[in-house]
Amino acid sequence: MKRTDFAYELPEELIAAEPLLERSASRLLIVPSSDASVRHGTVAADLLTLLRPGDVVVVNNTRVIPARLNGKKETGGHVEIMIERILAPQRIRAFVRASKTPHADSVISLDAGYQVRVLGRDGDLFVLEEVNGQSLLAYADQHGHVPLPPYMKREDRASDRERYQTVFAKHAGAVAAPTAGLHFDPSLIEHIRAKGVEWVELTLHVGAGTFNPVRVDEISEHQMHAEWYEITPAAAQCIQAAKADGRRVVAIGTTSLRALEGSAAQSPTGEVRAETAETALFITPGYRFRVVDCLFTNFHLPESTLVMLISAFAGYERVMSVYREAVNQRYRFFSYGDACWFERAEACV
């Protein structure tokens, strides 16, 4: 298939630049696995009705770091640093935007007396190290900016530090939010558990590569960025028990799905394993899903790898029709936007 097969028309005014006041107030487009008509509801009113006792809901508990840093080169020129990954307390891999490409061993000065040295290139990225051995994560927490996606077309505000973060975020390392999780508030989580649904957490640190567009026409030629994930023994055991019992596994967001399917894809037996690893799994139509039965996710960018993933999960024609319906019904799109519920298409089993 080609990149343009996953294009759709989206009026700019449907891109959500601001979050709703209440997390679970977002609209929810419900897509059954059969040819039955889609339904329109809200997260607060309808998600609980879609979940069944015994389901396992899997969420990504990564924590977004304020990954955009500003600095100056030795020549005085402005530099913007976008952390891609924390490699060590004093070392990061990052995108660096400057009028001229910084060279190895040059120093970039940050606010509050911090300095980073350019150690070298890593493909399109740079490896930087704090000169005085201080923690760059601690620096980012104090002086960094929330890495809002470019399509929001605004600067971050103090309120984004709380709102562009899930209420169950624990482990710092992501530079983009697992946005499906933004719809959950403590009350909704409590009601999910009270229904007899198992709540399972894993960690996948969303990288800056998630913003990278597909630039090749043939999607088979696209190189997926790798992302670090961790699945604990307790999480793996719970998920495998559900699969053995015939109970559903519900992924909250494409990041949770990628970690689960990435683990199973690397396992000789196709099972989710307790592990700390990386996944560069690129899911496109034709992929055989091993773990996830239902997917709760936001609406994603045209021609993106995430639209391709959802098309693999629910069926290409079905997904493109659903996106057209969402546009016609004026749903809010992308990170601060509305959500949809997909059941895995039988043809994709």
C-alpha atoms as a PDB file:
ATOM      1  CA  MET A   1       0.000   0.000   0.000  1.00  0.00           C
ATOM      2  CA  LYS A   2       1.026   3.599  -0.494  1.00  0.00           C
ATOM      3  CA  ARG A   3       1.245   6.462   1.981  1.00  0.00           C
ATOM      4  CA  THR A   4      -1.493   8.370   0.158  1.00  0.00           C
ATOM      5  CA  ASP A   5      -3.935   5.497   0.723  1.00  0.00           C
ATOM      6  CA  PHE A   6      -4.135   6.727   4.328  1.00  0.00           C
ATOM      7  CA  ALA A   7      -4.851  10.375   3.565  1.00  0.00           C
ATOM      8  CA  TYR A   8      -8.098  12.063   4.542  1.00  0.00           C
ATOM      9  CA  GLU A   9      -9.379  15.623   4.458  1.00  0.00           C
ATOM     10  CA  LEU A  10      -9.351  17.355   7.843  1.00  0.00           C
ATOM     11  CA  PRO A  11     -10.510  20.956   8.349  1.00  0.00           C
ATOM     12  CA  GLU A  12      -7.957  22.771  10.493  1.00  0.00           C
ATOM     13  CA  GLU A  13     -10.612  23.940  12.941  1.00  0.00           C
ATOM     14  CA  LEU A  14     -11.156  20.318  14.053  1.00  0.00           C
ATOM     15  CA  ILE A  15      -7.606  20.075  15.425  1.00  0.00           C
ATOM     16  CA  ALA A  16      -7.895  20.395  19.212  1.00  0.00           C
ATOM     17  CA  ALA A  17      -5.334  22.903  20.484  1.00  0.00           C
ATOM     18  CA  GLU A  18      -6.860  22.997  23.971  1.00  0.00           C
ATOM     19  CA  PRO A  19      -8.060  20.231  26.301  1.00  0.00           C
ATOM     20  CA  LEU A  20     -11.605  20.036  27.628  1.00  0.00           C
ATOM     21  CA  LEU A  21     -12.122  21.108  31.232  1.00  0.00           C
ATOM     22  CA  GLU A  22     -13.006  17.531  32.234  1.00  0.00           C
ATOM     23  CA  ARG A  23     -10.886  14.665  30.958  1.00  0.00           C
ATOM     24  CA  SER A  24     -13.681  12.125  30.495  1.00  0.00           C
ATOM     25  CA  ALA A  25     -16.061  14.592  28.830  1.00  0.00           C
ATOM     26  CA  SER A  26     -14.620  13.835  25.394  1.00  0.00           C
ATOM     27  CA  ARG A  27     -16.850  12.360  22.723  1.00  0.00           C
ATOM     28  CA  LEU A  28     -16.444   8.677  21.887  1.00  0.00           C
ATOM     29  CA  LEU A  29     -16.996   7.164  18.447  1.00  0.00           C
ATOM     30  CA  ILE A  30     -17.803   3.459  18.917  1.00  0.00           C
ATOM     31  CA  VAL A  31     -16.861   1.100  16.083  1.00  0.00           C
ATOM     32  CA  PRO A  32     -18.017  -2.536  16.397  1.00  0.00           C
ATOM     33  CA  SER A  33     -16.130  -5.334  14.657  1.00  0.00           C
ATOM     34  CA  SER A  34     -19.105  -6.251  12.490  1.00  0.00           C
ATOM     35  CA  ASP A  35     -20.732  -4.190   9.748  1.00  0.00           C
ATOM     36  CA  ALA A  36     -23.089  -2.683  12.340  1.00  0.00           C
ATOM     37  CA  SER A  37     -23.357   1.088  12.301  1.00  0.00           C
ATOM     38  CA  VAL A  38     -21.010   3.156  14.407  1.00  0.00           C
ATOM     39  CA  ARG A  39     -22.414   4.812  17.516  1.00  0.00           C
ATOM     40  CA  HIS A  40     -21.706   8.201  19.031  1.00  0.00           C
ATOM     41  CA  GLY A  41     -21.323   8.763  22.756  1.00  0.00           C
ATOM     42  CA  THR A  42     -18.965  10.127  25.389  1.00  0.00           C
ATOM     43  CA  VAL A  43     -16.108   8.578  27.322  1.00  0.00           C
ATOM     44  CA  ALA A  44     -17.759   9.219  30.690  1.00  0.00           C
ATOM     45  CA  ALA A  45     -21.132   7.736  29.717  1.00  0.00           C
ATOM     46  CA  ASP A  46     -20.200   4.904  27.359  1.00  0.00           C
ATOM     47  CA  LEU A  47     -16.752   3.451  28.036  1.00  0.00           C
ATOM     48  CA  LEU A  48     -17.987   1.523  31.071  1.00  0.00           C
ATOM     49  CA  THR A  49     -20.794  -0.030  29.027  1.00  0.00           C
ATOM     50  CA  LEU A  50     -18.262  -1.292  26.469  1.00  0.00           C
ATOM     51  CA  LEU A  51     -16.060  -2.964  29.077  1.00  0.00           C
ATOM     52  CA  ARG A  52     -16.963  -6.380  30.499  1.00  0.00           C
ATOM     53  CA  PRO A  53     -16.132  -7.929  33.879  1.00  0.00           C
ATOM     54  CA  GLY A  54     -12.939  -9.944  33.392  1.00  0.00           C
ATOM     55  CA  ASP A  55     -11.547  -7.671  30.669  1.00  0.00           C
ATOM     56  CA  VAL A  56      -7.942  -6.586  31.103  1.00  0.00           C
ATOM     57  CA  VAL A  57      -7.392  -2.894  30.427  1.00  0.00           C
ATOM     58  CA  VAL A  58      -3.746  -2.096  29.648  1.00  0.00           C
ATOM     59  CA  VAL A  59      -2.470   1.471  30.017  1.00  0.00           C
ATOM     60  CA  ASN A  60       0.884   3.140  29.454  1.00  0.00           C
ATOM     61  CA  ASN A  61       2.139   4.789  32.663  1.00  0.00           C
ATOM     62  CA  THR A  62       5.030   6.668  31.077  1.00  0.00           C
ATOM     63  CA  ARG A  63       5.523  10.242  32.285  1.00  0.00           C
ATOM     64  CA  VAL A  64       6.111  13.099  29.841  1.00  0.00           C
ATOM     65  CA  ILE A  65       9.192  15.170  30.567  1.00  0.00           C
ATOM     66  CA  PRO A  66       9.416  18.886  29.656  1.00  0.00           C
ATOM     67  CA  ALA A  67      11.648  17.943  26.747  1.00  0.00           C
ATOM     68  CA  ARG A  68      12.068  21.270  24.883  1.00  0.00           C
ATOM     69  CA  LEU A  69      15.130  23.181  26.063  1.00  0.00           C
ATOM     70  CA  ASN A  70      16.471  26.537  24.894  1.00  0.00           C
ATOM     71  CA  GLY A  71      20.127  27.447  24.742  1.00  0.00           C
ATOM     72  CA  LYS A  72      22.850  29.386  22.961  1.00  0.00           C
ATOM     73  CA  LYS A  73      25.874  28.283  21.002  1.00  0.00           C
ATOM     74  CA  GLU A  74      29.348  29.610  21.770  1.00  0.00           C
ATOM     75  CA  THR A  75      28.807  32.076  18.917  1.00  0.00           C
ATOM     76  CA  GLY A  76      25.636  33.373  20.573  1.00  0.00           C
ATOM     77  CA  GLY A  77      23.178  31.802  18.140  1.00  0.00           C
ATOM     78  CA  HIS A  78      19.908  30.420  19.497  1.00  0.00           C
ATOM     79  CA  VAL A  79      19.529  26.656  19.815  1.00  0.00           C
ATOM     80  CA  GLU A  80      16.402  24.591  20.495  1.00  0.00           C
ATOM     81  CA  ILE A  81      16.964  21.126  21.915  1.00  0.00           C
ATOM     82  CA  MET A  82      14.230  18.488  21.793  1.00  0.00           C
ATOM     83  CA  ILE A  83      15.114  15.511  23.966  1.00  0.00           C
ATOM     84  CA  GLU A  84      14.436  12.203  22.221  1.00  0.00           C
ATOM     85  CA  ARG A  85      15.690   9.930  24.967  1.00  0.00           C
ATOM     86  CA  ILE A  86      17.437  10.083  28.354  1.00  0.00           C
ATOM     87  CA  LEU A  87      20.517   7.857  27.953  1.00  0.00           C
ATOM     88  CA  ALA A  88      21.973   8.478  31.414  1.00  0.00           C
ATOM     89  CA  PRO A  89      21.458  11.109  34.131  1.00  0.00           C
ATOM     90  CA  GLN A  90      23.876  13.466  32.376  1.00  0.00           C
ATOM     91  CA  ARG A  91      23.464  12.284  28.783  1.00  0.00           C
ATOM     92  CA  ILE A  92      20.651  12.662  26.255  1.00  0.00           C
ATOM     93  CA  ARG A  93      19.939  11.973  22.608  1.00  0.00           C
ATOM     94  CA  ALA A  94      18.167  14.920  21.047  1.00  0.00           C
ATOM     95  CA  PHE A  95      17.094  16.813  17.978  1.00  0.00           C
ATOM     96  CA  VAL A  96      18.983  20.108  17.780  1.00  0.00           C
ATOM     97  CA  ARG A  97      17.635  23.025  15.797  1.00  0.00           C
ATOM     98  CA  ALA A  98      20.083  25.846  15.059  1.00  0.00           C
ATOM     99  CA  SER A  99      21.020  28.136  12.208  1.00  0.00           C
ATOM    100  CA  LYS A 100      24.135  26.032  11.666  1.00  0.00           C
ATOM    101  CA  THR A 101      24.655  22.425  12.663  1.00  0.00           C
ATOM    102  CA  PRO A 102      26.664  22.242  15.911  1.00  0.00           C
ATOM    103  CA  HIS A 103      29.941  20.355  15.607  1.00  0.00           C
ATOM    104  CA  ALA A 104      31.355  17.711  17.908  1.00  0.00           C
ATOM    105  CA  ASP A 105      32.920  19.020  21.134  1.00  0.00           C
ATOM    106  CA  SER A 106      31.116  22.364  20.898  1.00  0.00           C
ATOM    107  CA  VAL A 107      29.299  23.620  24.004  1.00  0.00           C
ATOM    108  CA  ILE A 108      25.701  24.826  24.256  1.00  0.00           C
ATOM    109  CA  SER A 109      24.805  27.029  27.217  1.00  0.00           C
ATOM    110  CA  LEU A 110      21.424  26.545  28.857  1.00  0.00           C
ATOM    111  CA  ASP A 111      19.676  28.679  31.461  1.00  0.00           C
ATOM    112  CA  ALA A 112      20.699  28.552  35.138  1.00  0.00           C
ATOM    113  CA  GLY A 113      24.346  27.851  34.392  1.00  0.00           C
ATOM    114  CA  TYR A 114      23.907  24.443  32.774  1.00  0.00           C
ATOM    115  CA  GLN A 115      26.047  23.552  29.784  1.00  0.00           C
ATOM    116  CA  VAL A 116      25.941  20.585  27.433  1.00  0.00           C
ATOM    117  CA  ARG A 117      28.715  19.340  25.197  1.00  0.00           C
ATOM    118  CA  VAL A 118      27.997  17.879  21.771  1.00  0.00           C
ATOM    119  CA  LEU A 119      29.526  14.407  21.752  1.00  0.00           C
ATOM    120  CA  GLY A 120      28.561  13.560  18.192  1.00  0.00           C
ATOM    121  CA  ARG A 121      25.796  12.531  15.810  1.00  0.00           C
ATOM    122  CA  ASP A 122      23.432   9.579  15.980  1.00  0.00           C
ATOM    123  CA  GLY A 123      21.714   9.659  12.599  1.00  0.00           C
ATOM    124  CA  ASP A 124      19.501  12.737  12.544  1.00  0.00           C
ATOM    125  CA  LEU A 125      20.016  13.267  16.258  1.00  0.00           C
ATOM    126  CA  PHE A 126      22.830  14.460  18.520  1.00  0.00           C
ATOM    127  CA  VAL A 127      24.246  12.983  21.709  1.00  0.00           C
ATOM    128  CA  LEU A 128      24.707  15.668  24.365  1.00  0.00           C
ATOM    129  CA  GLU A 129      26.260  15.493  27.825  1.00  0.00           C
ATOM    130  CA  GLU A 130      26.000  17.906  30.758  1.00  0.00           C
ATOM    131  CA  VAL A 131      29.447  19.402  31.273  1.00  0.00           C
ATOM    132  CA  ASN A 132      29.398  19.517  35.075  1.00  0.00           C
ATOM    133  CA  GLY A 133      27.842  16.108  35.645  1.00  0.00           C
ATOM    134  CA  GLN A 134      24.436  17.446  36.675  1.00  0.00           C
ATOM    135  CA  SER A 135      21.134  15.705  35.979  1.00  0.00           C
ATOM    136  CA  LEU A 136      19.544  16.808  32.715  1.00  0.00           C
ATOM    137  CA  LEU A 137      16.209  15.308  33.744  1.00  0.00           C
ATOM    138  CA  ALA A 138      16.189  17.487  36.870  1.00  0.00           C
ATOM    139  CA  TYR A 139      17.096  20.480  34.719  1.00  0.00           C
ATOM    140  CA  ALA A 140      14.293  19.752  32.254  1.00  0.00           C
ATOM    141  CA  ASP A 141      11.787  19.444  35.104  1.00  0.00           C
ATOM    142  CA  GLN A 142      12.682  22.949  36.260  1.00  0.00           C
ATOM    143  CA  HIS A 143      13.430  24.810  33.036  1.00  0.00           C
ATOM    144  CA  GLY A 144      12.098  22.743  30.122  1.00  0.00           C
ATOM    145  CA  HIS A 145       8.929  23.263  28.115  1.00  0.00           C
ATOM    146  CA  VAL A 146       6.152  20.733  27.542  1.00  0.00           C
ATOM    147  CA  PRO A 147       6.716  19.271  24.046  1.00  0.00           C
ATOM    148  CA  LEU A 148       3.304  19.993  22.583  1.00  0.00           C
ATOM    149  CA  PRO A 149       2.883  18.551  19.074  1.00  0.00           C
ATOM    150  CA  PRO A 150       3.615  21.033  16.258  1.00  0.00           C
ATOM    151  CA  TYR A 151       0.041  20.931  14.939  1.00  0.00           C
ATOM    152  CA  MET A 152      -1.242  22.717  18.074  1.00  0.00           C
ATOM    153  CA  LYS A 153       0.511  25.841  16.811  1.00  0.00           C
ATOM    154  CA  ARG A 154       0.911  27.445  20.212  1.00  0.00           C
ATOM    155  CA  GLU A 155       3.437  27.728  23.004  1.00  0.00           C
ATOM    156  CA  ASP A 156       3.018  25.546  26.066  1.00  0.00           C
ATOM    157  CA  ARG A 157       1.527  26.974  29.236  1.00  0.00           C
ATOM    158  CA  ALA A 158       1.865  26.048  32.902  1.00  0.00           C
ATOM    159  CA  SER A 159      -1.467  24.193  32.740  1.00  0.00           C
ATOM    160  CA  ASP A 160      -0.085  21.830  30.076  1.00  0.00           C
ATOM    161  CA  ARG A 161       2.283  20.342  32.648  1.00  0.00           C
ATOM    162  CA  GLU A 162      -0.714  18.747  34.316  1.00  0.00           C
ATOM    163  CA  ARG A 163      -3.102  18.347  31.381  1.00  0.00           C
ATOM    164  CA  TYR A 164      -0.629  16.856  28.867  1.00  0.00           C
ATOM    165  CA  GLN A 165      -0.008  14.082  31.387  1.00  0.00           C
ATOM    166  CA  THR A 166      -2.105  11.083  32.375  1.00  0.00           C
ATOM    167  CA  VAL A 167      -3.326  10.882  35.976  1.00  0.00           C
ATOM    168  CA  PHE A 168      -1.529   7.518  36.290  1.00  0.00           C
ATOM    169  CA  ALA A 169       1.848   8.696  34.905  1.00  0.00           C
ATOM    170  CA  LYS A 170       4.747   7.276  36.932  1.00  0.00           C
ATOM    171  CA  HIS A 171       8.009   6.727  35.060  1.00  0.00           C
ATOM    172  CA  ALA A 172       9.617   9.776  33.415  1.00  0.00           C
ATOM    173  CA  GLY A 173      10.972   9.356  29.916  1.00  0.00           C
ATOM    174  CA  ALA A 174       8.355  10.164  27.265  1.00  0.00           C
ATOM    175  CA  VAL A 175       8.531  13.242  25.048  1.00  0.00           C
ATOM    176  CA  ALA A 176       4.945  12.862  23.856  1.00  0.00           C
ATOM    177  CA  ALA A 177       1.899  11.861  25.858  1.00  0.00           C
ATOM    178  CA  PRO A 178       0.159   8.498  25.427  1.00  0.00           C
ATOM    179  CA  THR A 179      -2.875  10.556  24.511  1.00  0.00           C
ATOM    180  CA  ALA A 180      -5.615   7.940  24.858  1.00  0.00           C
ATOM    181  CA  GLY A 181      -4.817   7.905  28.556  1.00  0.00           C
ATOM    182  CA  LEU A 182      -5.580  11.628  28.867  1.00  0.00           C
ATOM    183  CA  HIS A 183      -9.326  10.810  28.907  1.00  0.00           C
ATOM    184  CA  PHE A 184      -9.137   8.971  32.235  1.00  0.00           C
ATOM    185  CA  ASP A 185      -9.766  10.654  35.575  1.00  0.00           C
ATOM    186  CA  PRO A 186      -9.633   9.029  39.039  1.00  0.00           C
ATOM    187  CA  SER A 187     -13.411   8.561  39.178  1.00  0.00           C
ATOM    188  CA  LEU A 188     -13.547   6.735  35.835  1.00  0.00           C
ATOM    189  CA  ILE A 189     -10.649   4.472  36.854  1.00  0.00           C
ATOM    190  CA  GLU A 190     -12.393   3.652  40.129  1.00  0.00           C
ATOM    191  CA  HIS A 191     -15.598   2.710  38.300  1.00  0.00           C
ATOM    192  CA  ILE A 192     -13.679   0.537  35.817  1.00  0.00           C
ATOM    193  CA  ARG A 193     -12.086  -1.433  38.635  1.00  0.00           C
ATOM    194  CA  ALA A 194     -15.385  -1.683  40.508  1.00  0.00           C
ATOM    195  CA  LYS A 195     -16.923  -3.361  37.440  1.00  0.00           C
ATOM    196  CA  GLY A 196     -14.480  -6.245  37.751  1.00  0.00           C
ATOM    197  CA  VAL A 197     -12.137  -5.089  35.004  1.00  0.00           C
ATOM    198  CA  GLU A 198      -8.434  -5.683  35.664  1.00  0.00           C
ATOM    199  CA  TRP A 199      -6.249  -2.589  35.411  1.00  0.00           C
ATOM    200  CA  VAL A 200      -2.733  -3.352  34.150  1.00  0.00           C
ATOM    201  CA  GLU A 201       0.097  -0.884  33.594  1.00  0.00           C
ATOM    202  CA  LEU A 202       3.150  -1.095  31.393  1.00  0.00           C
ATOM    203  CA  THR A 203       5.678   1.561  30.396  1.00  0.00           C
ATOM    204  CA  LEU A 204       6.576   2.664  26.869  1.00  0.00           C
ATOM    205  CA  HIS A 205       8.530   5.905  26.584  1.00  0.00           C
ATOM    206  CA  VAL A 206       7.069   7.661  23.554  1.00  0.00           C
ATOM    207  CA  GLY A 207       9.908   9.125  21.498  1.00  0.00           C
ATOM    208  CA  ALA A 208      10.095  12.288  19.436  1.00  0.00           C
ATOM    209  CA  GLY A 209      10.114  10.064  16.371  1.00  0.00           C
ATOM    210  CA  THR A 210       6.371   9.698  16.854  1.00  0.00           C
ATOM    211  CA  PHE A 211       6.069  13.131  15.181  1.00  0.00           C
ATOM    212  CA  ASN A 212       8.119  12.055  12.152  1.00  0.00           C
ATOM    213  CA  PRO A 213       5.972  11.808   9.015  1.00  0.00           C
ATOM    214  CA  VAL A 214       6.127   8.908   6.580  1.00  0.00           C
ATOM    215  CA  ARG A 215       8.168  10.352   3.716  1.00  0.00           C
ATOM    216  CA  VAL A 216       8.296   7.383   1.332  1.00  0.00           C
ATOM    217  CA  ASP A 217       5.490   6.500  -1.079  1.00  0.00           C
ATOM    218  CA  GLU A 218       5.674   2.747  -0.492  1.00  0.00           C
ATOM    219  CA  ILE A 219       4.906   2.205   3.187  1.00  0.00           C
ATOM    220  CA  SER A 220       6.948  -1.018   3.203  1.00  0.00           C
ATOM    221  CA  GLU A 221      10.038   1.185   2.820  1.00  0.00           C
ATOM    222  CA  HIS A 222       9.343   3.260   5.950  1.00  0.00           C
ATOM    223  CA  GLN A 223      11.783   2.843   8.840  1.00  0.00           C
ATOM    224  CA  MET A 224       9.952   2.901  12.172  1.00  0.00           C
ATOM    225  CA  HIS A 225      11.574   4.621  15.158  1.00  0.00           C
ATOM    226  CA  ALA A 226      12.371   2.387  18.134  1.00  0.00           C
ATOM    227  CA  GLU A 227      10.832   2.978  21.543  1.00  0.00           C
ATOM    228  CA  TRP A 228      11.852   1.598  24.945  1.00  0.00           C
ATOM    229  CA  TYR A 229       9.280  -0.364  26.921  1.00  0.00           C
ATOM    230  CA  GLU A 230       8.999  -2.435  30.084  1.00  0.00           C
ATOM    231  CA  ILE A 231       6.442  -5.107  30.943  1.00  0.00           C
ATOM    232  CA  THR A 232       6.609  -6.364  34.526  1.00  0.00           C
ATOM    233  CA  PRO A 233       6.196 -10.048  35.473  1.00  0.00           C
ATOM    234  CA  ALA A 234       2.856  -9.258  37.151  1.00  0.00           C
ATOM    235  CA  ALA A 235       1.551  -7.489  34.026  1.00  0.00           C
ATOM    236  CA  ALA A 236       2.674 -10.283  31.698  1.00  0.00           C
ATOM    237  CA  GLN A 237       1.112 -12.926  33.936  1.00  0.00           C
ATOM    238  CA  CYS A 238      -2.217 -11.092  34.086  1.00  0.00           C
ATOM    239  CA  ILE A 239      -2.382 -10.639  30.300  1.00  0.00           C
ATOM    240  CA  GLN A 240      -1.445 -14.237  29.546  1.00  0.00           C
ATOM    241  CA  ALA A 241      -4.017 -15.514  32.047  1.00  0.00           C
ATOM    242  CA  ALA A 242      -6.698 -13.469  30.282  1.00  0.00           C
ATOM    243  CA  LYS A 243      -5.723 -14.862  26.877  1.00  0.00           C
ATOM    244  CA  ALA A 244      -5.763 -18.410  28.255  1.00  0.00           C
ATOM    245  CA  ASP A 245      -9.249 -17.845  29.693  1.00  0.00           C
ATOM    246  CA  GLY A 246     -10.603 -16.263  26.506  1.00  0.00           C
ATOM    247  CA  ARG A 247     -11.034 -12.877  28.180  1.00  0.00           C
ATOM    248  CA  ARG A 248     -10.463  -9.669  26.236  1.00  0.00           C
ATOM    249  CA  VAL A 249      -7.338  -7.523  26.351  1.00  0.00           C
ATOM    250  CA  VAL A 250      -8.173  -3.845  25.824  1.00  0.00           C
ATOM    251  CA  ALA A 251      -5.267  -1.574  24.865  1.00  0.00           C
ATOM    252  CA  ILE A 252      -5.595   2.043  25.931  1.00  0.00           C
ATOM    253  CA  GLY A 253      -3.748   3.757  23.112  1.00  0.00           C
ATOM    254  CA  THR A 254      -1.482   2.678  20.299  1.00  0.00           C
ATOM    255  CA  THR A 255       1.581   2.803  22.573  1.00  0.00           C
ATOM    256  CA  SER A 256       0.147   0.106  24.851  1.00  0.00           C
ATOM    257  CA  LEU A 257      -0.745  -1.937  21.783  1.00  0.00           C
ATOM    258  CA  ARG A 258       2.739  -1.588  20.297  1.00  0.00           C
ATOM    259  CA  ALA A 259       4.387  -2.753  23.518  1.00  0.00           C
ATOM    260  CA  LEU A 260       2.099  -5.784  23.826  1.00  0.00           C
ATOM    261  CA  GLU A 261       2.281  -6.808  20.187  1.00  0.00           C
ATOM    262  CA  GLY A 262       5.995  -5.988  20.044  1.00  0.00           C
ATOM    263  CA  SER A 263       6.658  -8.330  22.950  1.00  0.00           C
ATOM    264  CA  ALA A 264       4.544 -11.106  21.456  1.00  0.00           C
ATOM    265  CA  ALA A 265       6.165 -10.681  18.041  1.00  0.00           C
ATOM    266  CA  GLN A 266       9.597 -11.301  19.579  1.00  0.00           C
ATOM    267  CA  SER A 267       8.457 -14.322  21.575  1.00  0.00           C
ATOM    268  CA  PRO A 268       8.903 -17.777  19.989  1.00  0.00           C
ATOM    269  CA  THR A 269       5.495 -18.758  21.364  1.00  0.00           C
ATOM    270  CA  GLY A 270       3.732 -15.452  20.601  1.00  0.00           C
ATOM    271  CA  GLU A 271       3.160 -14.694  24.260  1.00  0.00           C
ATOM    272  CA  VAL A 272       3.568 -11.404  26.108  1.00  0.00           C
ATOM    273  CA  ARG A 273       6.725 -11.707  28.177  1.00  0.00           C
ATOM    274  CA  ALA A 274       8.050  -9.829  31.179  1.00  0.00           C
ATOM    275  CA  GLU A 275      10.907  -7.848  29.667  1.00  0.00           C
ATOM    276  CA  THR A 276      12.672  -4.563  29.184  1.00  0.00           C
ATOM    277  CA  ALA A 277      13.303  -4.075  25.483  1.00  0.00           C
ATOM    278  CA  GLU A 278      12.793  -1.846  22.455  1.00  0.00           C
ATOM    279  CA  THR A 279      10.250  -2.160  19.702  1.00  0.00           C
ATOM    280  CA  ALA A 280      10.382  -0.783  16.191  1.00  0.00           C
ATOM    281  CA  LEU A 281       7.328  -2.788  15.164  1.00  0.00           C
ATOM    282  CA  PHE A 282       5.577  -1.197  12.179  1.00  0.00           C
ATOM    283  CA  ILE A 283       1.995  -2.456  12.045  1.00  0.00           C
ATOM    284  CA  THR A 284       0.284  -2.160   8.665  1.00  0.00           C
ATOM    285  CA  PRO A 285      -2.712  -3.911   7.039  1.00  0.00           C
ATOM    286  CA  GLY A 286      -2.057  -7.632   6.892  1.00  0.00           C
ATOM    287  CA  TYR A 287      -0.432  -7.803  10.317  1.00  0.00           C
ATOM    288  CA  ARG A 288      -1.594 -10.730  12.481  1.00  0.00           C
ATOM    289  CA  PHE A 289      -2.542  -9.499  15.944  1.00  0.00           C
ATOM    290  CA  ARG A 290      -1.667 -11.876  18.770  1.00  0.00           C
ATOM    291  CA  VAL A 291      -2.746 -10.055  21.935  1.00  0.00           C
ATOM    292  CA  VAL A 292      -5.083  -7.069  21.687  1.00  0.00           C
ATOM    293  CA  ASP A 293      -8.824  -7.519  21.170  1.00  0.00           C
ATOM    294  CA  CYS A 294     -10.095  -3.930  21.580  1.00  0.00           C
ATOM    295  CA  LEU A 295      -8.415  -0.571  21.131  1.00  0.00           C
ATOM    296  CA  PHE A 296      -9.353   2.750  22.722  1.00  0.00           C
ATOM    297  CA  THR A 297      -7.481   5.540  20.960  1.00  0.00           C
ATOM    298  CA  ASN A 298      -7.552   9.122  19.739  1.00  0.00           C
ATOM    299  CA  PHE A 299      -7.872  10.234  16.117  1.00  0.00           C
ATOM    300  CA  HIS A 300      -4.507  10.381  14.363  1.00  0.00           C
ATOM    301  CA  LEU A 301      -2.819  12.384  11.618  1.00  0.00           C
ATOM    302  CA  PRO A 302      -3.456  11.655   7.929  1.00  0.00           C
ATOM    303  CA  GLU A 303      -0.845   9.370   6.341  1.00  0.00           C
ATOM    304  CA  SER A 304       0.620   8.561   9.762  1.00  0.00           C
ATOM    305  CA  THR A 305       1.900   5.201  10.982  1.00  0.00           C
ATOM    306  CA  LEU A 306      -0.858   5.257  13.601  1.00  0.00           C
ATOM    307  CA  VAL A 307      -3.652   5.447  11.024  1.00  0.00           C
ATOM    308  CA  MET A 308      -1.928   2.515   9.307  1.00  0.00           C
ATOM    309  CA  LEU A 309      -1.874   0.609  12.612  1.00  0.00           C
ATOM    310  CA  ILE A 310      -5.589   1.204  13.226  1.00  0.00           C
ATOM    311  CA  SER A 311      -6.377   0.178   9.645  1.00  0.00           C
ATOM    312  CA  ALA A 312      -4.573  -3.094  10.289  1.00  0.00           C
ATOM    313  CA  PHE A 313      -6.575  -3.590  13.475  1.00  0.00           C
ATOM    314  CA  ALA A 314     -10.085  -2.727  12.334  1.00  0.00           C
ATOM    315  CA  GLY A 315      -9.886  -3.007   8.547  1.00  0.00           C
ATOM    316  CA  TYR A 316      -8.732  -0.386   6.057  1.00  0.00           C
ATOM    317  CA  GLU A 317     -12.072   0.461   4.432  1.00  0.00           C
ATOM    318  CA  ARG A 318     -13.792   0.528   7.813  1.00  0.00           C
ATOM    319  CA  VAL A 319     -11.266   2.903   9.358  1.00  0.00           C
ATOM    320  CA  MET A 320     -11.207   5.349   6.464  1.00  0.00           C
ATOM    321  CA  SER A 321     -15.016   5.428   6.542  1.00  0.00           C
ATOM    322  CA  VAL A 322     -14.955   6.047  10.302  1.00  0.00           C
ATOM    323  CA  TYR A 323     -12.548   8.955   9.890  1.00  0.00           C
ATOM    324  CA  ARG A 324     -14.790  10.530   7.274  1.00  0.00           C
ATOM    325  CA  GLU A 325     -17.723  10.109   9.651  1.00  0.00           C
ATOM    326  CA  ALA A 326     -15.724  11.730  12.469  1.00  0.00           C
ATOM    327  CA  VAL A 327     -14.981  14.729  10.264  1.00  0.00           C
ATOM    328  CA  ASN A 328     -18.638  15.027   9.223  1.00  0.00           C
ATOM    329  CA  GLN A 329     -19.754  14.836  12.862  1.00  0.00           C
ATOM    330  CA  ARG A 330     -17.203  17.482  13.906  1.00  0.00           C
ATOM    331  CA  TYR A 331     -15.169  15.371  16.304  1.00  0.00           C
ATOM    332  CA  ARG A 332     -12.058  16.971  17.795  1.00  0.00           C
ATOM    333  CA  PHE A 333      -8.813  15.484  16.463  1.00  0.00           C
ATOM    334  CA  PHE A 334      -5.352  14.547  17.766  1.00  0.00           C
ATOM    335  CA  SER A 335      -3.745  14.770  21.206  1.00  0.00           C
ATOM    336  CA  TYR A 336      -6.293  16.933  23.042  1.00  0.00           C
ATOM    337  CA  GLY A 337      -9.151  15.624  20.910  1.00  0.00           C
ATOM    338  CA  ASP A 338     -11.877  13.003  21.175  1.00  0.00           C
ATOM    339  CA  ALA A 339     -11.569   9.217  21.274  1.00  0.00           C
ATOM    340  CA  CYS A 340     -12.775   6.137  19.452  1.00  0.00           C
ATOM    341  CA  TRP A 341     -13.302   2.496  20.393  1.00  0.00           C
ATOM    342  CA  PHE A 342     -12.343  -0.220  17.908  1.00  0.00           C
ATOM    343  CA  GLU A 343     -12.997  -3.936  18.141  1.00  0.00           C
ATOM    344  CA  ARG A 344     -10.589  -6.076  16.195  1.00  0.00           C
ATOM    345  CA  ALA A 345     -11.976  -7.011  12.800  1.00  0.00           C
ATOM    346  CA  GLU A 346     -12.532 -10.724  12.374  1.00  0.00           C
ATOM    347  CA  ALA A 347     -10.527 -10.671   9.171  1.00  0.00           C
ATOM    348  CA  CYS A 348      -7.548  -9.408  11.180  1.00  0.00           C
ATOM    349  CA  VAL A 349      -7.610 -12.289  13.716  1.00  0.00           C
END
